[in-house]
Amino acid sequence: MIQQSSRELTHEDIQKLMATVDIPTCPAMLTIAMQEWQKG
């Protein structure tokens, strides 16, 4: 399960997440989505 944290996403975090996604995802949209998710 993914744990929420208040730290900033790194490029490595985004790459790890994208590696788990089976469909192509726009990196910019993924970054925005993750930032919104972190706000909770």
Foldseek 3Di string as FASTA:
>chain_A
DDDADLDQDDPVNLVVVCVPDPDDDDSVVVNVVVVVVNVD
